[in-house]
Amino acid sequence: MPDDHVASHQARDGGDPGAIRLYHAHVYYDPAATRDRAERLRERVAARFPGATLGRWHDKLVGPHTQAMYQIAFPTALLESFLPWLMLNRDGLAVLLHPETGDAYRDHTAHAA
């Protein structure tokens, strides 16, 4: 069964948003070309969203990520304010957003945006 069919089937079946404990935003950057933008974004997030937790810098690939990145973990209560702000202030950097439900594989794949 193709992955898009599985994702479509899962979307129809729904899921329990109450299972979301918090969210992760993975900010991707190029260590040689865009790390400075990633640093500025990180500083702005820290100043504006004290409820967010900034993860370590990963200039080398880690886990399923195919680019250098750092993670921002934030509680569900911040989603409404943090996500729109991040969309407008990411300075051209790619961001993977996913819920934290306890199923790391599905959270980074089927549940990710």
Protein backbone atom coordinates (compact mmCIF):
# COMPACT_ATOMS: atom_id res chain seq x y z
CA MET A 1 0.00 0.00 0.00
CA PRO A 2 1.53 3.42 -0.95
CA ASP A 3 2.38 5.79 1.89
CA ASP A 4 -0.02 8.48 0.65
CA HIS A 5 -2.89 5.97 0.74
CA VAL A 6 -1.97 5.01 4.30
CA ALA A 7 -1.82 8.67 5.34
CA SER A 8 -5.19 9.36 3.70
CA HIS A 9 -6.74 6.35 5.44
CA GLN A 10 -5.31 7.45 8.79
CA ALA A 11 -6.65 10.96 8.32
CA ARG A 12 -10.17 9.62 7.71
CA ASP A 13 -9.95 7.44 10.80
CA GLY A 14 -8.93 10.43 12.87
CA GLY A 15 -6.86 10.45 15.98
CA ASP A 16 -7.13 11.76 19.49
CA PRO A 17 -5.67 15.27 19.77
CA GLY A 18 -5.72 14.70 23.52
CA ALA A 19 -2.79 12.31 22.99
CA ILE A 20 -0.58 15.26 22.00
CA ARG A 21 1.66 16.06 24.96
CA LEU A 22 3.62 18.85 23.28
CA TYR A 23 5.00 19.84 19.90
CA HIS A 24 8.43 19.86 18.31
CA ALA A 25 9.60 22.21 15.59
CA HIS A 26 12.83 21.09 13.90
CA VAL A 27 14.58 24.09 12.32
CA TYR A 28 16.78 23.01 9.40
CA TYR A 29 19.83 24.95 8.26
CA ASP A 30 23.06 24.62 6.33
CA PRO A 31 26.03 24.94 8.73
CA ALA A 32 28.06 26.84 6.11
CA ALA A 33 25.35 28.98 4.53
CA THR A 34 22.38 29.60 6.85
CA ARG A 35 23.52 28.92 10.42
CA ASP A 36 23.57 32.66 11.11
CA ARG A 37 19.85 32.90 10.23
CA ALA A 38 19.15 29.86 12.41
CA GLU A 39 21.00 31.56 15.29
CA ARG A 40 18.96 34.76 14.92
CA LEU A 41 15.72 32.80 14.82
CA ARG A 42 16.76 30.84 17.90
CA GLU A 43 17.53 34.03 19.83
CA ARG A 44 14.19 35.55 18.86
CA VAL A 45 12.28 32.41 19.91
CA ALA A 46 14.07 32.38 23.29
CA ALA A 47 13.21 36.04 23.91
CA ARG A 48 9.58 35.86 22.77
CA PHE A 49 8.52 32.37 23.93
CA PRO A 50 10.01 31.56 27.36
CA GLY A 51 7.79 28.45 27.55
CA ALA A 52 9.65 26.90 24.61
CA THR A 53 12.66 24.64 25.17
CA LEU A 54 15.55 24.99 22.74
CA GLY A 55 17.38 21.79 21.88
CA ARG A 56 21.03 21.28 20.99
CA TRP A 57 22.59 22.25 17.70
CA HIS A 58 23.12 19.28 15.39
CA ASP A 59 25.51 20.38 12.63
CA LYS A 60 25.91 16.72 11.69
CA LEU A 61 22.97 14.51 10.78
CA VAL A 62 21.09 12.89 13.64
CA GLY A 63 18.17 10.44 13.67
CA PRO A 64 15.83 10.62 10.70
CA HIS A 65 16.81 14.20 9.84
CA THR A 66 18.55 14.73 6.51
CA GLN A 67 19.86 18.21 7.35
CA ALA A 68 21.57 19.96 10.21
CA MET A 69 18.96 21.14 12.71
CA TYR A 70 17.94 22.08 16.21
CA GLN A 71 14.67 21.35 17.91
CA ILE A 72 12.24 23.65 19.65
CA ALA A 73 9.86 21.85 22.03
CA PHE A 74 6.79 23.75 23.12
CA PRO A 75 3.60 22.99 25.06
CA THR A 76 0.25 22.66 23.34
CA ALA A 77 -0.86 25.94 24.94
CA LEU A 78 1.74 27.80 22.82
CA LEU A 79 0.67 26.32 19.46
CA GLU A 80 -1.85 29.07 18.69
CA SER A 81 0.67 31.89 19.16
CA PHE A 82 3.98 30.20 18.32
CA LEU A 83 3.08 28.53 15.02
CA PRO A 84 1.83 31.66 13.19
CA TRP A 85 4.79 33.64 14.51
CA LEU A 86 7.22 30.94 13.33
CA MET A 87 5.60 30.84 9.89
CA LEU A 88 6.11 34.58 9.46
CA ASN A 89 9.56 34.79 11.05
CA ARG A 90 11.45 31.66 9.92
CA ASP A 91 13.61 33.74 7.54
CA GLY A 92 13.45 31.20 4.71
CA LEU A 93 14.50 28.24 6.87
CA ALA A 94 12.64 24.96 6.51
CA VAL A 95 10.80 23.74 9.61
CA LEU A 96 9.32 20.32 10.37
CA LEU A 97 6.50 20.49 12.91
CA HIS A 98 5.14 17.42 14.64
CA PRO A 99 3.20 16.47 17.75
CA GLU A 100 4.72 14.41 20.53
CA THR A 101 2.34 11.50 21.13
CA GLY A 102 4.76 8.84 22.34
CA ASP A 103 5.14 7.24 18.90
CA ALA A 104 8.35 8.89 17.63
CA TYR A 105 8.31 7.23 14.21
CA ARG A 106 4.72 8.22 13.37
CA ASP A 107 5.17 11.67 14.92
CA HIS A 108 8.09 12.37 12.54
CA THR A 109 6.34 10.86 9.49
CA ALA A 110 2.56 10.44 9.33
CA HIS A 111 1.84 13.16 11.93
CA ALA A 112 4.37 15.74 10.70
CA ALA A 113 3.69 18.92 8.78
